[in-house]
């Protein structure tokens, strides 16, 4: 079930609510936070911090670009957030993390996905820098070639703005890779690939 506690105070003349401690739990997910809410007349958050634990990794897809929403993500995510601004246009910055998640799309799949992503979200724009991704058992689905790698390493960043293509850049390494054509005429194994990823 779900439950929670809230500690704080409300100043009626100033229309300010100060949250000393917020604690919510639901189905193993947990949120803790504190901060200040101004009612003037719509709620405005200031100096507000939230810590999210064991949140379904699918939940983070709501702020990802459309191209990423077709992915299936299994596992949980944690995040430390700082929130500011009016309720209908909140800006946030923080760090999101996954540990041991699974990612799958029509094009590829990755197991044991570990992600650390410092990010900012403001004006419907997502920016993430110094993103660190580590994964195991990468498999690429392609009719022309069967490709897999035992380990994936990606260090870089991304930017997503409304009406614009997703921009990503970073250093990519694939370790202990192998490939084969469907008819078996071309094969390779135990090779490493390294390069720079820059996509828009």
C-alpha atoms as a PDB file:
ATOM      1  CA  UNK A   1       0.000   0.000   0.000  1.00  0.00           C
ATOM      2  CA  UNK A   2       0.845   3.674   0.019  1.00  0.00           C
ATOM      3  CA  UNK A   3       1.577   5.897   2.985  1.00  0.00           C
ATOM      4  CA  UNK A   4       3.315   9.060   3.968  1.00  0.00           C
ATOM      5  CA  UNK A   5       4.142  11.673   6.558  1.00  0.00           C
ATOM      6  CA  UNK A   6       4.482  15.447   6.277  1.00  0.00           C
ATOM      7  CA  UNK A   7       6.079  17.801   8.780  1.00  0.00           C
ATOM      8  CA  UNK A   8       6.130  21.546   8.362  1.00  0.00           C
ATOM      9  CA  UNK A   9       4.388  24.817   9.044  1.00  0.00           C
ATOM     10  CA  UNK A  10       2.103  27.175   7.148  1.00  0.00           C
ATOM     11  CA  UNK A  11       2.104  30.949   7.527  1.00  0.00           C
ATOM     12  CA  UNK A  12      -1.364  32.232   6.611  1.00  0.00           C
ATOM     13  CA  UNK A  13      -0.431  35.955   6.315  1.00  0.00           C
ATOM     14  CA  UNK A  14       2.588  35.214   4.113  1.00  0.00           C
ATOM     15  CA  UNK A  15       0.931  32.270   2.335  1.00  0.00           C
ATOM     16  CA  UNK A  16       4.115  30.244   2.731  1.00  0.00           C
ATOM     17  CA  UNK A  17       4.348  26.549   3.540  1.00  0.00           C
ATOM     18  CA  UNK A  18       7.687  25.291   4.833  1.00  0.00           C
ATOM     19  CA  UNK A  19       8.157  21.546   4.496  1.00  0.00           C
ATOM     20  CA  UNK A  20      10.647  20.246   7.039  1.00  0.00           C
ATOM     21  CA  UNK A  21      10.218  16.605   6.073  1.00  0.00           C
ATOM     22  CA  UNK A  22       8.168  14.789   3.458  1.00  0.00           C
ATOM     23  CA  UNK A  23       8.185  10.989   3.345  1.00  0.00           C
ATOM     24  CA  UNK A  24       6.080   8.949   0.891  1.00  0.00           C
ATOM     25  CA  UNK A  25       6.160   5.227   0.177  1.00  0.00           C
ATOM     26  CA  UNK A  26       4.226   3.140  -2.333  1.00  0.00           C
ATOM     27  CA  UNK A  27       4.873  -0.425  -3.498  1.00  0.00           C
ATOM     28  CA  UNK A  28       8.522  -0.255  -2.474  1.00  0.00           C
ATOM     29  CA  UNK A  29       9.076   3.171  -4.074  1.00  0.00           C
ATOM     30  CA  UNK A  30      10.095   5.992  -1.759  1.00  0.00           C
ATOM     31  CA  UNK A  31      10.278   9.795  -1.904  1.00  0.00           C
ATOM     32  CA  UNK A  32      11.764  12.079   0.744  1.00  0.00           C
ATOM     33  CA  UNK A  33      12.082  15.829   0.597  1.00  0.00           C
ATOM     34  CA  UNK A  34      11.969  19.275   2.121  1.00  0.00           C
ATOM     35  CA  UNK A  35      11.537  22.819   0.895  1.00  0.00           C
ATOM     36  CA  UNK A  36       9.358  25.912   0.708  1.00  0.00           C
ATOM     37  CA  UNK A  37       6.088  26.428  -1.193  1.00  0.00           C
ATOM     38  CA  UNK A  38       4.825  29.952  -1.846  1.00  0.00           C
ATOM     39  CA  UNK A  39       1.146  30.413  -2.750  1.00  0.00           C
ATOM     40  CA  UNK A  40       0.956  33.552  -4.882  1.00  0.00           C
ATOM     41  CA  UNK A  41      -1.677  32.503  -5.989  1.00  0.00           C
ATOM     42  CA  UNK A  42      -0.321  29.423  -7.786  1.00  0.00           C
ATOM     43  CA  UNK A  43       2.179  27.255  -5.896  1.00  0.00           C
ATOM     44  CA  UNK A  44       5.836  28.169  -6.419  1.00  0.00           C
ATOM     45  CA  UNK A  45       8.614  25.895  -5.162  1.00  0.00           C
ATOM     46  CA  UNK A  46      11.846  27.289  -3.808  1.00  0.00           C
ATOM     47  CA  UNK A  47      14.816  25.634  -2.070  1.00  0.00           C
ATOM     48  CA  UNK A  48      13.107  22.282  -2.514  1.00  0.00           C
ATOM     49  CA  UNK A  49      15.021  19.006  -2.507  1.00  0.00           C
ATOM     50  CA  UNK A  50      13.693  15.530  -3.247  1.00  0.00           C
ATOM     51  CA  UNK A  51      15.315  12.128  -2.971  1.00  0.00           C
ATOM     52  CA  UNK A  52      13.648   9.339  -4.942  1.00  0.00           C
ATOM     53  CA  UNK A  53      14.489   5.685  -4.294  1.00  0.00           C
ATOM     54  CA  UNK A  54      13.527   2.476  -6.084  1.00  0.00           C
ATOM     55  CA  UNK A  55      11.293   4.314  -8.560  1.00  0.00           C
ATOM     56  CA  UNK A  56      10.241   2.256 -11.584  1.00  0.00           C
ATOM     57  CA  UNK A  57      12.707   3.042 -14.380  1.00  0.00           C
ATOM     58  CA  UNK A  58       9.705   3.339 -16.729  1.00  0.00           C
ATOM     59  CA  UNK A  59       8.673   6.452 -14.759  1.00  0.00           C
ATOM     60  CA  UNK A  60      11.621   8.490 -16.062  1.00  0.00           C
ATOM     61  CA  UNK A  61      10.462   8.042 -19.653  1.00  0.00           C
ATOM     62  CA  UNK A  62       8.025  10.928 -19.236  1.00  0.00           C
ATOM     63  CA  UNK A  63      10.888  13.456 -19.494  1.00  0.00           C
ATOM     64  CA  UNK A  64      12.791  11.623 -22.212  1.00  0.00           C
ATOM     65  CA  UNK A  65      12.553  12.588 -25.896  1.00  0.00           C
ATOM     66  CA  UNK A  66       9.896  10.921 -28.041  1.00  0.00           C
ATOM     67  CA  UNK A  67      12.481   8.716 -29.772  1.00  0.00           C
ATOM     68  CA  UNK A  68      13.346   7.122 -26.425  1.00  0.00           C
ATOM     69  CA  UNK A  69       9.779   6.444 -25.323  1.00  0.00           C
ATOM     70  CA  UNK A  70       9.568   3.303 -27.462  1.00  0.00           C
ATOM     71  CA  UNK A  71      12.218   1.668 -25.264  1.00  0.00           C
ATOM     72  CA  UNK A  72      11.212  -0.877 -22.661  1.00  0.00           C
ATOM     73  CA  UNK A  73      13.075  -0.346 -19.396  1.00  0.00           C
ATOM     74  CA  UNK A  74      12.970  -2.869 -16.568  1.00  0.00           C
ATOM     75  CA  UNK A  75      14.436  -2.135 -13.158  1.00  0.00           C
ATOM     76  CA  UNK A  76      14.465   0.746 -10.708  1.00  0.00           C
ATOM     77  CA  UNK A  77      16.002   4.208 -10.607  1.00  0.00           C
ATOM     78  CA  UNK A  78      17.139   6.599  -7.878  1.00  0.00           C
ATOM     79  CA  UNK A  79      17.418  10.383  -8.164  1.00  0.00           C
ATOM     80  CA  UNK A  80      18.461  13.398  -6.106  1.00  0.00           C
ATOM     81  CA  UNK A  81      16.581  16.496  -7.270  1.00  0.00           C
ATOM     82  CA  UNK A  82      16.493  20.242  -6.646  1.00  0.00           C
ATOM     83  CA  UNK A  83      13.202  21.869  -7.680  1.00  0.00           C
ATOM     84  CA  UNK A  84      12.483  25.554  -8.331  1.00  0.00           C
ATOM     85  CA  UNK A  85       9.742  27.621  -9.909  1.00  0.00           C
ATOM     86  CA  UNK A  86       5.960  27.725 -10.437  1.00  0.00           C
ATOM     87  CA  UNK A  87       4.065  24.449 -10.272  1.00  0.00           C
ATOM     88  CA  UNK A  88       3.145  24.446 -13.979  1.00  0.00           C
ATOM     89  CA  UNK A  89       6.714  25.237 -15.115  1.00  0.00           C
ATOM     90  CA  UNK A  90       9.017  23.644 -12.569  1.00  0.00           C
ATOM     91  CA  UNK A  91      12.719  23.532 -13.336  1.00  0.00           C
ATOM     92  CA  UNK A  92      14.880  20.868 -11.803  1.00  0.00           C
ATOM     93  CA  UNK A  93      18.436  19.705 -11.638  1.00  0.00           C
ATOM     94  CA  UNK A  94      19.897  16.613 -10.139  1.00  0.00           C
ATOM     95  CA  UNK A  95      21.405  13.204 -10.729  1.00  0.00           C
ATOM     96  CA  UNK A  96      19.543  10.100 -11.889  1.00  0.00           C
ATOM     97  CA  UNK A  97      20.939   6.592 -11.398  1.00  0.00           C
ATOM     98  CA  UNK A  98      20.051   3.044 -12.361  1.00  0.00           C
ATOM     99  CA  UNK A  99      21.787  -0.116 -11.209  1.00  0.00           C
ATOM    100  CA  UNK A 100      21.246  -3.398 -13.020  1.00  0.00           C
ATOM    101  CA  UNK A 101      18.396  -2.238 -15.264  1.00  0.00           C
ATOM    102  CA  UNK A 102      17.475  -3.833 -18.597  1.00  0.00           C
ATOM    103  CA  UNK A 103      16.862  -1.841 -21.788  1.00  0.00           C
ATOM    104  CA  UNK A 104      15.217  -3.120 -24.935  1.00  0.00           C
ATOM    105  CA  UNK A 105      14.041  -1.538 -28.181  1.00  0.00           C
ATOM    106  CA  UNK A 106      13.334  -2.730 -31.705  1.00  0.00           C
ATOM    107  CA  UNK A 107      16.995  -2.049 -32.534  1.00  0.00           C
ATOM    108  CA  UNK A 108      18.951  -3.341 -29.538  1.00  0.00           C
ATOM    109  CA  UNK A 109      18.975  -4.642 -25.993  1.00  0.00           C
ATOM    110  CA  UNK A 110      21.332  -4.151 -23.031  1.00  0.00           C
ATOM    111  CA  UNK A 111      21.490  -6.050 -19.737  1.00  0.00           C
ATOM    112  CA  UNK A 112      22.848  -4.936 -16.332  1.00  0.00           C
ATOM    113  CA  UNK A 113      22.592  -1.276 -17.296  1.00  0.00           C
ATOM    114  CA  UNK A 114      24.232   1.078 -14.797  1.00  0.00           C
ATOM    115  CA  UNK A 115      23.623   4.780 -15.422  1.00  0.00           C
ATOM    116  CA  UNK A 116      24.750   7.956 -13.685  1.00  0.00           C
ATOM    117  CA  UNK A 117      23.277  11.074 -15.315  1.00  0.00           C
ATOM    118  CA  UNK A 118      23.613  14.618 -13.938  1.00  0.00           C
ATOM    119  CA  UNK A 119      20.871  16.627 -15.659  1.00  0.00           C
ATOM    120  CA  UNK A 120      18.854  19.828 -15.797  1.00  0.00           C
ATOM    121  CA  UNK A 121      15.239  20.214 -16.921  1.00  0.00           C
ATOM    122  CA  UNK A 122      13.859  23.684 -17.684  1.00  0.00           C
ATOM    123  CA  UNK A 123      11.471  25.150 -20.259  1.00  0.00           C
ATOM    124  CA  UNK A 124      10.714  21.636 -21.571  1.00  0.00           C
ATOM    125  CA  UNK A 125      14.407  21.174 -22.375  1.00  0.00           C
ATOM    126  CA  UNK A 126      16.445  18.284 -20.990  1.00  0.00           C
ATOM    127  CA  UNK A 127      20.228  18.581 -20.814  1.00  0.00           C
ATOM    128  CA  UNK A 128      22.519  15.935 -19.377  1.00  0.00           C
ATOM    129  CA  UNK A 129      26.300  16.205 -19.156  1.00  0.00           C
ATOM    130  CA  UNK A 130      28.963  13.859 -17.828  1.00  0.00           C
ATOM    131  CA  UNK A 131      26.608  10.931 -18.329  1.00  0.00           C
ATOM    132  CA  UNK A 132      28.223   7.574 -17.555  1.00  0.00           C
ATOM    133  CA  UNK A 133      26.645   4.375 -18.882  1.00  0.00           C
ATOM    134  CA  UNK A 134      27.914   0.843 -18.354  1.00  0.00           C
ATOM    135  CA  UNK A 135      26.112  -2.221 -19.638  1.00  0.00           C
ATOM    136  CA  UNK A 136      26.548  -5.927 -20.301  1.00  0.00           C
ATOM    137  CA  UNK A 137      25.444  -8.198 -23.107  1.00  0.00           C
ATOM    138  CA  UNK A 138      24.641  -5.675 -25.836  1.00  0.00           C
ATOM    139  CA  UNK A 139      22.741  -7.225 -28.747  1.00  0.00           C
ATOM    140  CA  UNK A 140      21.924  -5.329 -31.943  1.00  0.00           C
ATOM    141  CA  UNK A 141      18.961  -6.490 -34.002  1.00  0.00           C
ATOM    142  CA  UNK A 142      19.594  -6.138 -37.710  1.00  0.00           C
ATOM    143  CA  UNK A 143      18.632  -8.259 -40.716  1.00  0.00           C
ATOM    144  CA  UNK A 144      21.997  -7.734 -42.385  1.00  0.00           C
ATOM    145  CA  UNK A 145      24.221  -8.736 -39.471  1.00  0.00           C
ATOM    146  CA  UNK A 146      24.000 -10.218 -35.998  1.00  0.00           C
ATOM    147  CA  UNK A 147      26.123  -8.145 -33.620  1.00  0.00           C
ATOM    148  CA  UNK A 148      26.763  -8.471 -29.903  1.00  0.00           C
ATOM    149  CA  UNK A 149      29.267  -7.236 -27.329  1.00  0.00           C
ATOM    150  CA  UNK A 150      29.878  -8.393 -23.785  1.00  0.00           C
ATOM    151  CA  UNK A 151      30.336  -4.865 -22.462  1.00  0.00           C
ATOM    152  CA  UNK A 152      29.183  -1.351 -23.366  1.00  0.00           C
ATOM    153  CA  UNK A 153      30.777   1.866 -22.078  1.00  0.00           C
ATOM    154  CA  UNK A 154      29.464   5.315 -22.960  1.00  0.00           C
ATOM    155  CA  UNK A 155      30.548   8.665 -21.514  1.00  0.00           C
ATOM    156  CA  UNK A 156      28.907  11.779 -22.901  1.00  0.00           C
ATOM    157  CA  UNK A 157      25.830  13.962 -22.879  1.00  0.00           C
ATOM    158  CA  UNK A 158      22.542  14.744 -24.545  1.00  0.00           C
ATOM    159  CA  UNK A 159      20.149  17.601 -25.173  1.00  0.00           C
ATOM    160  CA  UNK A 160      16.461  17.365 -26.008  1.00  0.00           C
ATOM    161  CA  UNK A 161      14.401  20.428 -26.954  1.00  0.00           C
ATOM    162  CA  UNK A 162      10.771  20.572 -28.113  1.00  0.00           C
ATOM    163  CA  UNK A 163      10.467  20.279 -31.887  1.00  0.00           C
ATOM    164  CA  UNK A 164      14.163  19.529 -32.388  1.00  0.00           C
ATOM    165  CA  UNK A 165      15.995  16.232 -32.890  1.00  0.00           C
ATOM    166  CA  UNK A 166      17.733  14.666 -29.912  1.00  0.00           C
ATOM    167  CA  UNK A 167      21.414  15.628 -29.800  1.00  0.00           C
ATOM    168  CA  UNK A 168      23.882  13.191 -28.270  1.00  0.00           C
ATOM    169  CA  UNK A 169      27.642  13.065 -28.102  1.00  0.00           C
ATOM    170  CA  UNK A 170      30.213  11.027 -26.244  1.00  0.00           C
ATOM    171  CA  UNK A 171      32.884   8.371 -26.251  1.00  0.00           C
ATOM    172  CA  UNK A 172      31.673   4.853 -26.961  1.00  0.00           C
ATOM    173  CA  UNK A 173      33.513   1.589 -26.318  1.00  0.00           C
ATOM    174  CA  UNK A 174      32.305  -1.923 -27.077  1.00  0.00           C
ATOM    175  CA  UNK A 175      34.362  -4.727 -25.559  1.00  0.00           C
ATOM    176  CA  UNK A 176      34.650  -8.377 -26.599  1.00  0.00           C
ATOM    177  CA  UNK A 177      32.381  -7.986 -29.589  1.00  0.00           C
ATOM    178  CA  UNK A 178      31.325 -10.502 -32.199  1.00  0.00           C
ATOM    179  CA  UNK A 179      29.325 -10.442 -35.422  1.00  0.00           C
ATOM    180  CA  UNK A 180      28.056 -12.748 -38.111  1.00  0.00           C
ATOM    181  CA  UNK A 181      25.965 -12.448 -41.249  1.00  0.00           C
ATOM    182  CA  UNK A 182      22.785 -14.555 -41.273  1.00  0.00           C
ATOM    183  CA  UNK A 183      24.252 -16.940 -43.857  1.00  0.00           C
ATOM    184  CA  UNK A 184      27.500 -17.298 -41.889  1.00  0.00           C
ATOM    185  CA  UNK A 185      29.650 -16.028 -44.766  1.00  0.00           C
ATOM    186  CA  UNK A 186      31.281 -13.325 -42.634  1.00  0.00           C
ATOM    187  CA  UNK A 187      32.136 -13.732 -38.963  1.00  0.00           C
ATOM    188  CA  UNK A 188      34.294 -12.051 -36.329  1.00  0.00           C
ATOM    189  CA  UNK A 189      34.720 -12.340 -32.592  1.00  0.00           C
ATOM    190  CA  UNK A 190      36.561 -11.049 -29.537  1.00  0.00           C
ATOM    191  CA  UNK A 191      37.208  -7.570 -30.926  1.00  0.00           C
ATOM    192  CA  UNK A 192      36.972  -4.140 -29.272  1.00  0.00           C
ATOM    193  CA  UNK A 193      35.554  -0.985 -30.833  1.00  0.00           C
ATOM    194  CA  UNK A 194      36.109   2.606 -29.686  1.00  0.00           C
ATOM    195  CA  UNK A 195      34.856   5.825 -31.214  1.00  0.00           C
ATOM    196  CA  UNK A 196      33.157   9.171 -30.820  1.00  0.00           C
ATOM    197  CA  UNK A 197      29.364   9.317 -30.953  1.00  0.00           C
ATOM    198  CA  UNK A 198      27.798  12.529 -32.281  1.00  0.00           C
ATOM    199  CA  UNK A 199      24.173  12.364 -33.397  1.00  0.00           C
ATOM    200  CA  UNK A 200      21.451  14.921 -34.045  1.00  0.00           C
END
